[in-house]
């Protein structure tokens, strides 16, 4: 990660936190073996949750 002249320390810290959050999440998901059926179930559950949240947002507007 290179520091640009116009970037403030706060912006660089925020960028580092976002990048490290993705890395940590990836490590946690790969920590233990997950059966393919459980992966499909988890992804389907997440998709249902996303659509439910989107529908609730549409109802509010």
C-alpha atoms as a PDB file:
ATOM      1  CA  UNK A   1       0.000   0.000   0.000  1.00  0.00           C
ATOM      2  CA  UNK A   2       1.634   3.229  -1.135  1.00  0.00           C
ATOM      3  CA  UNK A   3       1.015   6.529   0.567  1.00  0.00           C
ATOM      4  CA  UNK A   4      -0.088   9.296  -1.760  1.00  0.00           C
ATOM      5  CA  UNK A   5       0.814  12.892  -1.001  1.00  0.00           C
ATOM      6  CA  UNK A   6      -2.764  14.169  -0.798  1.00  0.00           C
ATOM      7  CA  UNK A   7      -4.066  11.243   1.295  1.00  0.00           C
ATOM      8  CA  UNK A   8      -4.451  11.949   4.939  1.00  0.00           C
ATOM      9  CA  UNK A   9      -3.571   9.484   7.629  1.00  0.00           C
ATOM     10  CA  UNK A  10      -7.262   8.911   8.378  1.00  0.00           C
ATOM     11  CA  UNK A  11      -8.000   7.948   4.765  1.00  0.00           C
ATOM     12  CA  UNK A  12      -5.084   5.521   4.710  1.00  0.00           C
ATOM     13  CA  UNK A  13      -6.179   3.995   8.007  1.00  0.00           C
ATOM     14  CA  UNK A  14      -9.719   3.545   6.686  1.00  0.00           C
ATOM     15  CA  UNK A  15      -8.423   1.882   3.523  1.00  0.00           C
ATOM     16  CA  UNK A  16      -6.225  -0.456   5.564  1.00  0.00           C
ATOM     17  CA  UNK A  17      -9.148  -1.428   7.811  1.00  0.00           C
ATOM     18  CA  UNK A  18     -11.352  -2.256   4.809  1.00  0.00           C
ATOM     19  CA  UNK A  19      -8.644  -4.357   3.169  1.00  0.00           C
ATOM     20  CA  UNK A  20      -7.756  -6.198   6.357  1.00  0.00           C
ATOM     21  CA  UNK A  21     -11.430  -6.857   7.128  1.00  0.00           C
ATOM     22  CA  UNK A  22     -11.819  -8.723   3.838  1.00  0.00           C
ATOM     23  CA  UNK A  23      -8.660 -10.738   4.509  1.00  0.00           C
ATOM     24  CA  UNK A  24      -9.731 -11.687   8.022  1.00  0.00           C
ATOM     25  CA  UNK A  25     -13.174 -12.719   6.809  1.00  0.00           C
ATOM     26  CA  UNK A  26     -11.648 -14.918   4.110  1.00  0.00           C
ATOM     27  CA  UNK A  27      -9.366 -16.594   6.663  1.00  0.00           C
ATOM     28  CA  UNK A  28     -12.263 -17.278   9.005  1.00  0.00           C
ATOM     29  CA  UNK A  29     -14.342 -18.912   6.283  1.00  0.00           C
ATOM     30  CA  UNK A  30     -11.405 -21.144   5.249  1.00  0.00           C
ATOM     31  CA  UNK A  31     -10.433 -22.048   8.824  1.00  0.00           C
ATOM     32  CA  UNK A  32     -12.379 -25.320   8.828  1.00  0.00           C
ATOM     33  CA  UNK A  33     -13.690 -27.549   6.066  1.00  0.00           C
ATOM     34  CA  UNK A  34     -17.286 -26.826   5.170  1.00  0.00           C
ATOM     35  CA  UNK A  35     -19.348 -29.414   3.350  1.00  0.00           C
ATOM     36  CA  UNK A  36     -20.628 -28.314  -0.080  1.00  0.00           C
ATOM     37  CA  UNK A  37     -24.245 -28.742   1.026  1.00  0.00           C
ATOM     38  CA  UNK A  38     -23.632 -26.395   3.968  1.00  0.00           C
ATOM     39  CA  UNK A  39     -22.048 -23.835   1.654  1.00  0.00           C
ATOM     40  CA  UNK A  40     -25.134 -23.916  -0.599  1.00  0.00           C
ATOM     41  CA  UNK A  41     -27.458 -23.584   2.396  1.00  0.00           C
ATOM     42  CA  UNK A  42     -25.468 -20.658   3.801  1.00  0.00           C
ATOM     43  CA  UNK A  43     -25.469 -18.847   0.457  1.00  0.00           C
ATOM     44  CA  UNK A  44     -29.212 -19.439  -0.041  1.00  0.00           C
ATOM     45  CA  UNK A  45     -29.932 -18.133   3.445  1.00  0.00           C
ATOM     46  CA  UNK A  46     -27.836 -15.019   2.767  1.00  0.00           C
ATOM     47  CA  UNK A  47     -29.655 -14.434  -0.535  1.00  0.00           C
ATOM     48  CA  UNK A  48     -33.057 -14.698   1.167  1.00  0.00           C
ATOM     49  CA  UNK A  49     -31.910 -12.260   3.827  1.00  0.00           C
ATOM     50  CA  UNK A  50     -30.677  -9.785   1.192  1.00  0.00           C
ATOM     51  CA  UNK A  51     -33.954  -9.895  -0.734  1.00  0.00           C
ATOM     52  CA  UNK A  52     -35.967  -9.500   2.465  1.00  0.00           C
ATOM     53  CA  UNK A  53     -33.926  -6.420   3.440  1.00  0.00           C
ATOM     54  CA  UNK A  54     -34.298  -4.938  -0.057  1.00  0.00           C
ATOM     55  CA  UNK A  55     -38.063  -5.487   0.031  1.00  0.00           C
ATOM     56  CA  UNK A  56     -38.295  -3.782   3.415  1.00  0.00           C
ATOM     57  CA  UNK A  57     -36.343  -0.793   2.061  1.00  0.00           C
ATOM     58  CA  UNK A  58     -38.706  -0.600  -0.934  1.00  0.00           C
ATOM     59  CA  UNK A  59     -41.736  -0.600   1.358  1.00  0.00           C
ATOM     60  CA  UNK A  60     -40.348   2.324   3.344  1.00  0.00           C
ATOM     61  CA  UNK A  61     -39.831   4.508   0.278  1.00  0.00           C
END
